[in-house]
Amino acid sequence: MGLQIDIAAIVANWKALAARAPGARAAAVVKADGYGLGASRIVPALYQAGARDFFVALAKEGRAIRPHLPDDATINVLSGHMPGADLDGLVPVLNSAEQFFRDRAIRPGARFAIQLDSGMNRLGMEAAEWAAIRAEVLDAGPDFIMSHLACADEPDHPANATQLAAFRAMTDGCNVPLSLAATGGILLGPEYHFDLVRPGVGLYGGMPFADAQQVVRLSLPVIQTRPVAPDEFVGYGATWTATAPRRIATVAAGYADGILRALSSSGASLYADGIACPIVGRVSMDLVTADVTELRTVPDHLDLICVEQPIDMLADHAGTIGYEILTALRQRYERVYL
């Protein structure tokens, strides 16, 4: 069955997050090829649902989706104006004075936006740099000014209030649309919403949006099953040994397909009709093995991502986050869009 991607669920999640910020315009973050799920299939559906503002990380990502959107859709590039970037039809989010002056020299009069660093120390102008060129930037007329929260998925983290205060101080009196909240920021409440919100991972079923609809199902074909006797091992390194007679299924996927090696004997399972079949032994390049002893009949496919084991639960087993689970999915899967 491969990788099933529910476009209607993505749209429903976008609408639900937009409804959490009724006073703001809701954009959609579709960087990394729509978090690995296929931006060219996702953006037309979100546009039809009402989204007009889209965010990508790189100019080449923006160019890839530009043909799939009408002219009135805006594609914002979070890396800003990098040397040699083709920004035709795109809006760079400028992150430094250097980028601002480069952009104005090469694209005088063209649309742009600004990112400020409110405390994350990653991208954007810090307060002193911003103060030095603020008047010139505002005179040039940015589409909006944004920043990004470092700890929005932890509602009680003090950094949220600190960054909110810093952003307010840096933008006071700007009279330009403002944007601070991605998925986590939307859930923090109205004071974080400003004029434009940027839902991202929540669109794709990821935390911290606990009410998100399930978007992804990953079903892996079973190649072979075999009995394994007590004291026999399974997989590279002989890291798992049977303590009783077991039946083991081998499925056709591995770390070359984005199934993280950290899932080896991690507590993660493959599922058949809601029954957990623990992953045993090491995840290898093209194969995963699971204990299917509890199944009366082994089906043609076993599910790795499903209702019983959504992306963030799988991420917990791997010691990572749902973002990495999604964006690691490779192109070898047959993709089915619902």
C-alpha atoms as a PDB file:
ATOM      1  CA  MET A   1       0.000   0.000   0.000  1.00  0.00           C
ATOM      2  CA  GLY A   2       2.970   2.318   0.446  1.00  0.00           C
ATOM      3  CA  LEU A   3       2.711   5.849   1.783  1.00  0.00           C
ATOM      4  CA  GLN A   4      -0.849   7.137   2.042  1.00  0.00           C
ATOM      5  CA  ILE A   5      -1.209  10.917   2.352  1.00  0.00           C
ATOM      6  CA  ASP A   6      -4.605  12.331   3.225  1.00  0.00           C
ATOM      7  CA  ILE A   7      -4.815  15.748   1.563  1.00  0.00           C
ATOM      8  CA  ALA A   8      -8.287  16.346   2.996  1.00  0.00           C
ATOM      9  CA  ALA A   9      -6.847  15.867   6.498  1.00  0.00           C
ATOM     10  CA  ILE A  10      -4.117  18.442   5.785  1.00  0.00           C
ATOM     11  CA  VAL A  11      -6.780  20.908   4.667  1.00  0.00           C
ATOM     12  CA  ALA A  12      -8.895  20.159   7.741  1.00  0.00           C
ATOM     13  CA  ASN A  13      -5.869  20.738   9.994  1.00  0.00           C
ATOM     14  CA  TRP A  14      -5.147  24.051   8.253  1.00  0.00           C
ATOM     15  CA  LYS A  15      -8.733  25.170   8.761  1.00  0.00           C
ATOM     16  CA  ALA A  16      -8.679  24.099  12.402  1.00  0.00           C
ATOM     17  CA  LEU A  17      -5.468  26.013  13.115  1.00  0.00           C
ATOM     18  CA  ALA A  18      -6.733  29.043  11.208  1.00  0.00           C
ATOM     19  CA  ALA A  19      -9.851  28.974  13.384  1.00  0.00           C
ATOM     20  CA  ARG A  20      -7.619  29.144  16.497  1.00  0.00           C
ATOM     21  CA  ALA A  21      -6.398  32.563  15.282  1.00  0.00           C
ATOM     22  CA  PRO A  22      -9.544  34.231  13.943  1.00  0.00           C
ATOM     23  CA  GLY A  23      -8.049  37.712  13.892  1.00  0.00           C
ATOM     24  CA  ALA A  24      -5.050  36.709  11.765  1.00  0.00           C
ATOM     25  CA  ARG A  25      -4.455  35.567   8.220  1.00  0.00           C
ATOM     26  CA  ALA A  26      -3.387  31.918   8.102  1.00  0.00           C
ATOM     27  CA  ALA A  27      -0.447  30.987   5.907  1.00  0.00           C
ATOM     28  CA  ALA A  28       0.865  27.460   5.269  1.00  0.00           C
ATOM     29  CA  VAL A  29       4.438  26.278   5.735  1.00  0.00           C
ATOM     30  CA  VAL A  30       5.267  23.832   2.932  1.00  0.00           C
ATOM     31  CA  LYS A  31       9.073  23.757   3.120  1.00  0.00           C
ATOM     32  CA  ALA A  32      11.047  20.532   2.591  1.00  0.00           C
ATOM     33  CA  ASP A  33       8.565  19.474  -0.098  1.00  0.00           C
ATOM     34  CA  GLY A  34       5.603  19.855   2.229  1.00  0.00           C
ATOM     35  CA  TYR A  35       7.447  18.187   5.129  1.00  0.00           C
ATOM     36  CA  GLY A  36       8.302  15.331   2.795  1.00  0.00           C
ATOM     37  CA  LEU A  37       4.739  14.651   1.684  1.00  0.00           C
ATOM     38  CA  GLY A  38       4.663  16.373  -1.723  1.00  0.00           C
ATOM     39  CA  ALA A  39       4.209  20.137  -1.833  1.00  0.00           C
ATOM     40  CA  SER A  40       3.025  20.112  -5.443  1.00  0.00           C
ATOM     41  CA  ARG A  41      -0.003  18.070  -4.370  1.00  0.00           C
ATOM     42  CA  ILE A  42      -0.589  19.939  -1.117  1.00  0.00           C
ATOM     43  CA  VAL A  43      -0.456  23.608  -2.110  1.00  0.00           C
ATOM     44  CA  PRO A  44      -3.307  23.559  -4.677  1.00  0.00           C
ATOM     45  CA  ALA A  45      -5.618  22.005  -2.082  1.00  0.00           C
ATOM     46  CA  LEU A  46      -4.648  24.574   0.555  1.00  0.00           C
ATOM     47  CA  TYR A  47      -5.112  27.385  -1.954  1.00  0.00           C
ATOM     48  CA  GLN A  48      -8.582  26.084  -2.780  1.00  0.00           C
ATOM     49  CA  ALA A  49      -9.327  26.052   0.951  1.00  0.00           C
ATOM     50  CA  GLY A  50      -8.377  29.728   1.216  1.00  0.00           C
ATOM     51  CA  ALA A  51      -4.641  29.878   1.890  1.00  0.00           C
ATOM     52  CA  ARG A  52      -2.882  32.641  -0.025  1.00  0.00           C
ATOM     53  CA  ASP A  53       0.449  32.823   1.813  1.00  0.00           C
ATOM     54  CA  PHE A  54       2.995  30.001   1.683  1.00  0.00           C
ATOM     55  CA  PHE A  55       6.415  29.616   3.274  1.00  0.00           C
ATOM     56  CA  VAL A  56       9.397  27.629   1.992  1.00  0.00           C
ATOM     57  CA  ALA A  57      12.974  27.448   3.221  1.00  0.00           C
ATOM     58  CA  LEU A  58      14.830  27.866  -0.081  1.00  0.00           C
ATOM     59  CA  ALA A  59      14.263  29.707  -3.332  1.00  0.00           C
ATOM     60  CA  LYS A  60      14.417  26.444  -5.301  1.00  0.00           C
ATOM     61  CA  GLU A  61      11.530  25.111  -3.194  1.00  0.00           C
ATOM     62  CA  GLY A  62       9.546  28.214  -4.042  1.00  0.00           C
ATOM     63  CA  ARG A  63      10.246  27.844  -7.745  1.00  0.00           C
ATOM     64  CA  ALA A  64       9.109  24.212  -7.573  1.00  0.00           C
ATOM     65  CA  ILE A  65       5.647  25.127  -6.279  1.00  0.00           C
ATOM     66  CA  ARG A  66       5.183  28.422  -8.154  1.00  0.00           C
ATOM     67  CA  PRO A  67       3.638  26.670 -11.213  1.00  0.00           C
ATOM     68  CA  HIS A  68       1.093  24.973  -8.955  1.00  0.00           C
ATOM     69  CA  LEU A  69      -0.330  28.216  -7.548  1.00  0.00           C
ATOM     70  CA  PRO A  70      -2.216  31.148  -9.101  1.00  0.00           C
ATOM     71  CA  ASP A  71      -0.488  34.513  -9.332  1.00  0.00           C
ATOM     72  CA  ASP A  72      -2.280  35.910  -6.298  1.00  0.00           C
ATOM     73  CA  ALA A  73      -0.597  33.376  -4.007  1.00  0.00           C
ATOM     74  CA  THR A  74       2.507  34.650  -2.217  1.00  0.00           C
ATOM     75  CA  ILE A  75       5.500  32.345  -1.695  1.00  0.00           C
ATOM     76  CA  ASN A  76       7.849  33.570   1.028  1.00  0.00           C
ATOM     77  CA  VAL A  77      11.440  32.297   1.201  1.00  0.00           C
ATOM     78  CA  LEU A  78      12.710  32.008   4.778  1.00  0.00           C
ATOM     79  CA  SER A  79      16.406  31.909   3.861  1.00  0.00           C
ATOM     80  CA  GLY A  80      16.013  35.388   2.379  1.00  0.00           C
ATOM     81  CA  HIS A  81      18.116  36.650  -0.505  1.00  0.00           C
ATOM     82  CA  MET A  82      21.082  34.328  -0.880  1.00  0.00           C
ATOM     83  CA  PRO A  83      23.793  35.158  -3.451  1.00  0.00           C
ATOM     84  CA  GLY A  84      22.763  33.927  -6.888  1.00  0.00           C
ATOM     85  CA  ALA A  85      19.217  33.029  -5.814  1.00  0.00           C
ATOM     86  CA  ASP A  86      16.477  33.193  -8.447  1.00  0.00           C
ATOM     87  CA  LEU A  87      13.671  35.022  -6.653  1.00  0.00           C
ATOM     88  CA  ASP A  88      11.434  35.639  -9.646  1.00  0.00           C
ATOM     89  CA  GLY A  89       7.863  35.347  -8.400  1.00  0.00           C
ATOM     90  CA  LEU A  90       8.994  34.873  -4.786  1.00  0.00           C
ATOM     91  CA  VAL A  91       9.213  37.076  -1.694  1.00  0.00           C
ATOM     92  CA  PRO A  92      12.456  36.775   0.306  1.00  0.00           C
ATOM     93  CA  VAL A  93      12.280  37.111   4.077  1.00  0.00           C
ATOM     94  CA  LEU A  94      15.443  39.141   4.642  1.00  0.00           C
ATOM     95  CA  ASN A  95      17.438  38.137   7.693  1.00  0.00           C
ATOM     96  CA  SER A  96      20.224  40.714   7.939  1.00  0.00           C
ATOM     97  CA  ALA A  97      21.265  44.196   6.870  1.00  0.00           C
ATOM     98  CA  GLU A  98      23.547  42.537   4.320  1.00  0.00           C
ATOM     99  CA  GLN A  99      20.607  40.707   2.765  1.00  0.00           C
ATOM    100  CA  PHE A 100      18.464  43.842   2.802  1.00  0.00           C
ATOM    101  CA  PHE A 101      21.002  45.973   0.937  1.00  0.00           C
ATOM    102  CA  ARG A 102      21.780  43.154  -1.512  1.00  0.00           C
ATOM    103  CA  ASP A 103      18.091  42.705  -2.230  1.00  0.00           C
ATOM    104  CA  ARG A 104      17.437  46.408  -2.717  1.00  0.00           C
ATOM    105  CA  ALA A 105      20.436  46.731  -5.040  1.00  0.00           C
ATOM    106  CA  ILE A 106      19.400  43.767  -7.209  1.00  0.00           C
ATOM    107  CA  ARG A 107      15.600  43.976  -6.909  1.00  0.00           C
ATOM    108  CA  PRO A 108      14.725  47.644  -6.304  1.00  0.00           C
ATOM    109  CA  GLY A 109      11.012  48.019  -5.701  1.00  0.00           C
ATOM    110  CA  ALA A 110      10.365  44.261  -5.510  1.00  0.00           C
ATOM    111  CA  ARG A 111       8.433  42.735  -2.624  1.00  0.00           C
ATOM    112  CA  PHE A 112      10.242  41.558   0.488  1.00  0.00           C
ATOM    113  CA  ALA A 113       9.683  40.775   4.172  1.00  0.00           C
ATOM    114  CA  ILE A 114      11.877  41.011   7.261  1.00  0.00           C
ATOM    115  CA  GLN A 115      12.811  38.540   9.981  1.00  0.00           C
ATOM    116  CA  LEU A 116      13.930  39.763  13.404  1.00  0.00           C
ATOM    117  CA  ASP A 117      15.753  37.745  16.039  1.00  0.00           C
ATOM    118  CA  SER A 118      13.669  37.960  19.201  1.00  0.00           C
ATOM    119  CA  GLY A 119      15.963  35.650  21.142  1.00  0.00           C
ATOM    120  CA  MET A 120      16.359  32.355  19.258  1.00  0.00           C
ATOM    121  CA  ASN A 121      19.790  33.340  17.890  1.00  0.00           C
ATOM    122  CA  ARG A 122      19.285  31.545  14.615  1.00  0.00           C
ATOM    123  CA  LEU A 123      17.958  33.806  11.851  1.00  0.00           C
ATOM    124  CA  GLY A 124      16.973  37.444  11.760  1.00  0.00           C
ATOM    125  CA  MET A 125      18.294  40.859  12.723  1.00  0.00           C
ATOM    126  CA  GLU A 126      19.157  41.473  16.345  1.00  0.00           C
ATOM    127  CA  ALA A 127      17.933  44.643  18.026  1.00  0.00           C
ATOM    128  CA  ALA A 128      20.977  46.827  17.344  1.00  0.00           C
ATOM    129  CA  GLU A 129      21.262  45.828  13.683  1.00  0.00           C
ATOM    130  CA  TRP A 130      17.538  46.371  13.221  1.00  0.00           C
ATOM    131  CA  ALA A 131      17.581  49.775  14.915  1.00  0.00           C
ATOM    132  CA  ALA A 132      20.368  50.959  12.608  1.00  0.00           C
ATOM    133  CA  ILE A 133      18.388  50.327   9.414  1.00  0.00           C
ATOM    134  CA  ARG A 134      14.791  50.250  10.640  1.00  0.00           C
ATOM    135  CA  ALA A 135      13.783  53.590   9.138  1.00  0.00           C
ATOM    136  CA  GLU A 136      15.229  52.684   5.723  1.00  0.00           C
ATOM    137  CA  VAL A 137      13.567  49.253   5.774  1.00  0.00           C
ATOM    138  CA  LEU A 138      10.184  50.668   6.703  1.00  0.00           C
ATOM    139  CA  ASP A 139      10.498  53.312   4.024  1.00  0.00           C
ATOM    140  CA  ALA A 140      11.018  50.503   1.485  1.00  0.00           C
ATOM    141  CA  GLY A 141       7.696  48.935   2.536  1.00  0.00           C
ATOM    142  CA  PRO A 142       8.103  45.307   3.685  1.00  0.00           C
ATOM    143  CA  ASP A 143       5.147  42.960   3.267  1.00  0.00           C
ATOM    144  CA  PHE A 144       5.447  41.926   6.917  1.00  0.00           C
ATOM    145  CA  ILE A 145       7.906  41.572   9.792  1.00  0.00           C
ATOM    146  CA  MET A 146       8.265  38.192  11.481  1.00  0.00           C
ATOM    147  CA  SER A 147      10.149  36.351  14.171  1.00  0.00           C
ATOM    148  CA  HIS A 148      10.168  32.744  15.371  1.00  0.00           C
ATOM    149  CA  LEU A 149       9.572  31.213  18.795  1.00  0.00           C
ATOM    150  CA  ALA A 150      12.114  28.737  20.149  1.00  0.00           C
ATOM    151  CA  CYS A 151       9.962  27.030  22.795  1.00  0.00           C
ATOM    152  CA  ALA A 152       6.368  27.380  21.590  1.00  0.00           C
ATOM    153  CA  ASP A 153       5.751  23.652  22.012  1.00  0.00           C
ATOM    154  CA  GLU A 154       6.335  24.152  25.755  1.00  0.00           C
ATOM    155  CA  PRO A 155       3.540  26.555  26.776  1.00  0.00           C
ATOM    156  CA  ASP A 156       4.968  27.288  30.224  1.00  0.00           C
ATOM    157  CA  HIS A 157       8.518  27.960  29.046  1.00  0.00           C
ATOM    158  CA  PRO A 158       9.589  31.490  30.091  1.00  0.00           C
ATOM    159  CA  ALA A 159      11.296  32.044  26.732  1.00  0.00           C
ATOM    160  CA  ASN A 160       7.877  32.458  25.093  1.00  0.00           C
ATOM    161  CA  ALA A 161       6.965  35.570  27.084  1.00  0.00           C
ATOM    162  CA  THR A 162      10.507  36.905  26.775  1.00  0.00           C
ATOM    163  CA  GLN A 163      10.466  36.591  22.993  1.00  0.00           C
ATOM    164  CA  LEU A 164       6.982  38.070  22.769  1.00  0.00           C
ATOM    165  CA  ALA A 165       8.118  41.121  24.706  1.00  0.00           C
ATOM    166  CA  ALA A 166      11.256  41.478  22.584  1.00  0.00           C
ATOM    167  CA  PHE A 167       9.264  41.231  19.362  1.00  0.00           C
ATOM    168  CA  ARG A 168       6.775  43.828  20.548  1.00  0.00           C
ATOM    169  CA  ALA A 169       9.590  46.193  21.519  1.00  0.00           C
ATOM    170  CA  MET A 170      11.371  45.806  18.158  1.00  0.00           C
ATOM    171  CA  THR A 171       8.194  46.334  16.119  1.00  0.00           C
ATOM    172  CA  ASP A 172       6.475  49.034  18.163  1.00  0.00           C
ATOM    173  CA  GLY A 173       5.162  51.726  15.841  1.00  0.00           C
ATOM    174  CA  CYS A 174       6.136  49.920  12.624  1.00  0.00           C
ATOM    175  CA  ASN A 175       2.628  49.927  11.107  1.00  0.00           C
ATOM    176  CA  VAL A 176       3.520  46.798   9.128  1.00  0.00           C
ATOM    177  CA  PRO A 177       1.778  43.393   9.380  1.00  0.00           C
ATOM    178  CA  LEU A 178       3.459  41.236  12.024  1.00  0.00           C
ATOM    179  CA  SER A 179       3.956  37.473  12.354  1.00  0.00           C
ATOM    180  CA  LEU A 180       5.325  35.496  15.303  1.00  0.00           C
ATOM    181  CA  ALA A 181       3.359  32.248  15.618  1.00  0.00           C
ATOM    182  CA  ALA A 182       3.901  28.932  13.865  1.00  0.00           C
ATOM    183  CA  THR A 183       1.867  25.882  14.998  1.00  0.00           C
ATOM    184  CA  GLY A 184       2.956  26.051  18.631  1.00  0.00           C
ATOM    185  CA  GLY A 185       2.576  29.809  18.779  1.00  0.00           C
ATOM    186  CA  ILE A 186      -0.990  29.594  17.490  1.00  0.00           C
ATOM    187  CA  LEU A 187      -1.821  27.303  20.396  1.00  0.00           C
ATOM    188  CA  LEU A 188      -0.262  29.720  22.925  1.00  0.00           C
ATOM    189  CA  GLY A 189      -3.157  32.132  22.455  1.00  0.00           C
ATOM    190  CA  PRO A 190      -4.231  35.427  20.873  1.00  0.00           C
ATOM    191  CA  GLU A 191      -1.393  37.608  22.173  1.00  0.00           C
ATOM    192  CA  TYR A 192       1.001  35.624  19.965  1.00  0.00           C
ATOM    193  CA  HIS A 193      -1.111  35.729  16.784  1.00  0.00           C
ATOM    194  CA  PHE A 194      -0.613  39.274  15.441  1.00  0.00           C
ATOM    195  CA  ASP A 195      -1.576  39.635  11.756  1.00  0.00           C
ATOM    196  CA  LEU A 196      -0.229  36.471  10.121  1.00  0.00           C
ATOM    197  CA  VAL A 197       0.168  32.967  11.552  1.00  0.00           C
ATOM    198  CA  ARG A 198       2.324  30.278   9.956  1.00  0.00           C
ATOM    199  CA  PRO A 199       1.028  26.755  10.719  1.00  0.00           C
ATOM    200  CA  GLY A 200       3.553  24.095   9.749  1.00  0.00           C
ATOM    201  CA  VAL A 201       3.941  20.664  11.362  1.00  0.00           C
ATOM    202  CA  GLY A 202       0.385  20.798  12.708  1.00  0.00           C
ATOM    203  CA  LEU A 203      -0.908  20.655   9.144  1.00  0.00           C
ATOM    204  CA  TYR A 204       0.707  17.260   8.737  1.00  0.00           C
ATOM    205  CA  GLY A 205      -0.581  15.678  11.935  1.00  0.00           C
ATOM    206  CA  GLY A 206       2.346  16.564  14.191  1.00  0.00           C
ATOM    207  CA  MET A 207       2.589  17.790  17.754  1.00  0.00           C
ATOM    208  CA  PRO A 208       2.041  20.113  19.492  1.00  0.00           C
ATOM    209  CA  PHE A 209      -1.328  20.168  17.687  1.00  0.00           C
ATOM    210  CA  ALA A 210      -2.850  17.256  19.598  1.00  0.00           C
ATOM    211  CA  ASP A 211      -6.216  17.685  17.854  1.00  0.00           C
ATOM    212  CA  ALA A 212      -4.756  17.233  14.374  1.00  0.00           C
ATOM    213  CA  GLN A 213      -6.285  14.693  12.044  1.00  0.00           C
ATOM    214  CA  GLN A 214      -4.074  11.786  11.047  1.00  0.00           C
ATOM    215  CA  VAL A 215      -2.464  12.576   7.669  1.00  0.00           C
ATOM    216  CA  VAL A 216       0.005   9.759   7.006  1.00  0.00           C
ATOM    217  CA  ARG A 217      -0.230   5.987   6.910  1.00  0.00           C
ATOM    218  CA  LEU A 218       2.874   4.015   5.991  1.00  0.00           C
ATOM    219  CA  SER A 219       2.291   0.387   5.018  1.00  0.00           C
ATOM    220  CA  LEU A 220       5.283  -1.849   4.289  1.00  0.00           C
ATOM    221  CA  PRO A 221       5.087  -5.008   2.158  1.00  0.00           C
ATOM    222  CA  VAL A 222       5.974  -8.308   3.802  1.00  0.00           C
ATOM    223  CA  ILE A 223       8.614 -10.189   1.805  1.00  0.00           C
ATOM    224  CA  GLN A 224       8.966 -13.301   3.926  1.00  0.00           C
ATOM    225  CA  THR A 225       8.124 -14.874   7.264  1.00  0.00           C
ATOM    226  CA  ARG A 226      10.134 -17.522   9.093  1.00  0.00           C
ATOM    227  CA  PRO A 227      10.170 -19.414  12.389  1.00  0.00           C
ATOM    228  CA  VAL A 228      12.993 -18.556  14.750  1.00  0.00           C
ATOM    229  CA  ALA A 229      13.940 -21.018  17.461  1.00  0.00           C
ATOM    230  CA  PRO A 230      15.065 -20.118  21.003  1.00  0.00           C
ATOM    231  CA  ASP A 231      18.651 -18.804  21.097  1.00  0.00           C
ATOM    232  CA  GLU A 232      18.627 -17.900  17.379  1.00  0.00           C
ATOM    233  CA  PHE A 233      19.283 -14.263  16.548  1.00  0.00           C
ATOM    234  CA  VAL A 234      17.825 -11.878  13.977  1.00  0.00           C
ATOM    235  CA  GLY A 235      19.632  -9.245  11.932  1.00  0.00           C
ATOM    236  CA  TYR A 236      23.017  -7.532  11.826  1.00  0.00           C
ATOM    237  CA  GLY A 237      25.157  -7.695  14.918  1.00  0.00           C
ATOM    238  CA  ALA A 238      23.012 -10.432  16.513  1.00  0.00           C
ATOM    239  CA  THR A 239      21.531  -7.744  18.766  1.00  0.00           C
ATOM    240  CA  TRP A 240      18.223  -9.589  19.328  1.00  0.00           C
ATOM    241  CA  THR A 241      17.940 -13.245  20.281  1.00  0.00           C
ATOM    242  CA  ALA A 242      14.710 -15.234  20.648  1.00  0.00           C
ATOM    243  CA  THR A 243      13.972 -16.527  24.127  1.00  0.00           C
ATOM    244  CA  ALA A 244      11.089 -18.698  22.904  1.00  0.00           C
ATOM    245  CA  PRO A 245       9.843 -19.955  19.527  1.00  0.00           C
ATOM    246  CA  ARG A 246       8.887 -16.882  17.503  1.00  0.00           C
ATOM    247  CA  ARG A 247       7.690 -16.050  14.002  1.00  0.00           C
ATOM    248  CA  ILE A 248       9.500 -13.179  12.291  1.00  0.00           C
ATOM    249  CA  ALA A 249       8.358 -11.147   9.279  1.00  0.00           C
ATOM    250  CA  THR A 250      10.744  -9.194   7.068  1.00  0.00           C
ATOM    251  CA  VAL A 251       9.346  -6.126   5.315  1.00  0.00           C
ATOM    252  CA  ALA A 252      10.701  -4.232   2.311  1.00  0.00           C
ATOM    253  CA  ALA A 253      11.913  -0.917   3.735  1.00  0.00           C
ATOM    254  CA  GLY A 254      14.796   0.372   5.811  1.00  0.00           C
ATOM    255  CA  TYR A 255      16.936   3.372   6.570  1.00  0.00           C
ATOM    256  CA  ALA A 256      17.330   4.047   2.832  1.00  0.00           C
ATOM    257  CA  ASP A 257      13.603   4.785   2.962  1.00  0.00           C
ATOM    258  CA  GLY A 258      13.842   7.034   6.016  1.00  0.00           C
ATOM    259  CA  ILE A 259      13.042   4.426   8.670  1.00  0.00           C
ATOM    260  CA  LEU A 260      15.533   5.560  11.249  1.00  0.00           C
ATOM    261  CA  ARG A 261      18.099   3.033  12.449  1.00  0.00           C
ATOM    262  CA  ALA A 262      17.390   4.247  15.967  1.00  0.00           C
ATOM    263  CA  LEU A 263      14.085   2.327  15.761  1.00  0.00           C
ATOM    264  CA  SER A 264      16.023  -0.950  16.020  1.00  0.00           C
ATOM    265  CA  SER A 265      14.623  -2.923  19.008  1.00  0.00           C
ATOM    266  CA  SER A 266      13.438   0.436  20.399  1.00  0.00           C
ATOM    267  CA  GLY A 267       9.935  -0.481  21.495  1.00  0.00           C
ATOM    268  CA  ALA A 268       8.456   0.596  18.168  1.00  0.00           C
ATOM    269  CA  SER A 269       6.226  -1.851  16.349  1.00  0.00           C
ATOM    270  CA  LEU A 270       4.688  -2.645  13.022  1.00  0.00           C
ATOM    271  CA  TYR A 271       0.915  -3.046  13.199  1.00  0.00           C
ATOM    272  CA  ALA A 272      -1.648  -5.390  11.694  1.00  0.00           C
ATOM    273  CA  ASP A 273      -5.292  -4.490  12.367  1.00  0.00           C
ATOM    274  CA  GLY A 274      -4.306  -2.774  15.590  1.00  0.00           C
ATOM    275  CA  ILE A 275      -2.076  -5.605  16.856  1.00  0.00           C
ATOM    276  CA  ALA A 276       1.487  -4.561  17.673  1.00  0.00           C
ATOM    277  CA  CYS A 277       4.318  -6.570  16.146  1.00  0.00           C
ATOM    278  CA  PRO A 278       7.523  -5.375  17.836  1.00  0.00           C
ATOM    279  CA  ILE A 279      10.461  -4.411  15.636  1.00  0.00           C
ATOM    280  CA  VAL A 280      13.309  -6.794  16.517  1.00  0.00           C
ATOM    281  CA  GLY A 281      16.936  -6.668  15.496  1.00  0.00           C
ATOM    282  CA  ARG A 282      18.516  -3.821  13.609  1.00  0.00           C
ATOM    283  CA  VAL A 283      16.825  -1.737  10.957  1.00  0.00           C
ATOM    284  CA  SER A 284      18.995  -2.249   7.891  1.00  0.00           C
ATOM    285  CA  MET A 285      19.226  -0.366   4.600  1.00  0.00           C
ATOM    286  CA  ASP A 286      16.287  -2.056   2.890  1.00  0.00           C
ATOM    287  CA  LEU A 287      14.732  -4.362   5.492  1.00  0.00           C
ATOM    288  CA  VAL A 288      12.990  -4.302   8.861  1.00  0.00           C
ATOM    289  CA  THR A 289      12.152  -7.397  10.899  1.00  0.00           C
ATOM    290  CA  ALA A 290       9.222  -7.701  13.295  1.00  0.00           C
ATOM    291  CA  ASP A 291       7.870 -10.337  15.661  1.00  0.00           C
ATOM    292  CA  VAL A 292       4.495 -11.425  14.234  1.00  0.00           C
ATOM    293  CA  THR A 293       4.013 -14.420  16.538  1.00  0.00           C
ATOM    294  CA  GLU A 294       0.770 -12.999  17.941  1.00  0.00           C
ATOM    295  CA  LEU A 295      -0.897 -12.788  14.520  1.00  0.00           C
ATOM    296  CA  ARG A 296      -3.107 -15.628  13.368  1.00  0.00           C
ATOM    297  CA  THR A 297      -2.409 -14.696   9.767  1.00  0.00           C
ATOM    298  CA  VAL A 298       0.371 -12.419   8.567  1.00  0.00           C
ATOM    299  CA  PRO A 299      -1.062  -9.867   6.095  1.00  0.00           C
ATOM    300  CA  ASP A 300       0.606  -8.687   2.892  1.00  0.00           C
ATOM    301  CA  HIS A 301       1.518  -5.375   4.547  1.00  0.00           C
ATOM    302  CA  LEU A 302       2.327  -4.156   8.050  1.00  0.00           C
ATOM    303  CA  ASP A 303       1.864  -0.537   9.140  1.00  0.00           C
ATOM    304  CA  LEU A 304       4.678   1.551  10.633  1.00  0.00           C
ATOM    305  CA  ILE A 305       2.806   4.879  10.785  1.00  0.00           C
ATOM    306  CA  CYS A 306      -0.867   4.495  11.617  1.00  0.00           C
ATOM    307  CA  VAL A 307      -3.532   5.503  14.127  1.00  0.00           C
ATOM    308  CA  GLU A 308      -1.979   3.205  16.749  1.00  0.00           C
ATOM    309  CA  GLN A 309       1.506   4.650  16.179  1.00  0.00           C
ATOM    310  CA  PRO A 310       1.365   8.227  14.834  1.00  0.00           C
ATOM    311  CA  ILE A 311       4.475  10.140  13.847  1.00  0.00           C
ATOM    312  CA  ASP A 312       5.231  11.602  17.265  1.00  0.00           C
ATOM    313  CA  MET A 313       4.912   8.248  19.029  1.00  0.00           C
ATOM    314  CA  LEU A 314       7.293   6.764  16.476  1.00  0.00           C
ATOM    315  CA  ALA A 315       9.601   9.722  17.029  1.00  0.00           C
ATOM    316  CA  ASP A 316       9.599   9.094  20.771  1.00  0.00           C
ATOM    317  CA  HIS A 317      10.789   5.550  20.158  1.00  0.00           C
ATOM    318  CA  ALA A 318      13.602   6.860  17.953  1.00  0.00           C
ATOM    319  CA  GLY A 319      14.594   9.629  20.348  1.00  0.00           C
ATOM    320  CA  THR A 320      13.733  12.370  17.868  1.00  0.00           C
ATOM    321  CA  ILE A 321      10.774  14.544  16.789  1.00  0.00           C
ATOM    322  CA  GLY A 322       7.907  14.089  14.368  1.00  0.00           C
ATOM    323  CA  TYR A 323       9.463  16.568  11.934  1.00  0.00           C
ATOM    324  CA  GLU A 324      12.393  14.206  11.325  1.00  0.00           C
ATOM    325  CA  ILE A 325      10.121  11.190  10.891  1.00  0.00           C
ATOM    326  CA  LEU A 326       8.130  12.991   8.176  1.00  0.00           C
ATOM    327  CA  THR A 327      10.981  14.634   6.305  1.00  0.00           C
ATOM    328  CA  ALA A 328      13.060  11.436   6.315  1.00  0.00           C
ATOM    329  CA  LEU A 329      10.516   9.574   4.187  1.00  0.00           C
ATOM    330  CA  ARG A 330      12.108   8.788   0.847  1.00  0.00           C
ATOM    331  CA  GLN A 331      10.862   8.639  -2.717  1.00  0.00           C
ATOM    332  CA  ARG A 332      11.041   4.827  -3.013  1.00  0.00           C
ATOM    333  CA  TYR A 333       7.578   4.537  -1.497  1.00  0.00           C
ATOM    334  CA  GLU A 334       4.611   4.286  -3.792  1.00  0.00           C
ATOM    335  CA  ARG A 335       2.586   7.343  -2.810  1.00  0.00           C
ATOM    336  CA  VAL A 336      -1.181   7.319  -2.725  1.00  0.00           C
ATOM    337  CA  TYR A 337      -2.989  10.637  -2.231  1.00  0.00           C
ATOM    338  CA  LEU A 338      -6.450  10.517  -0.727  1.00  0.00           C
END
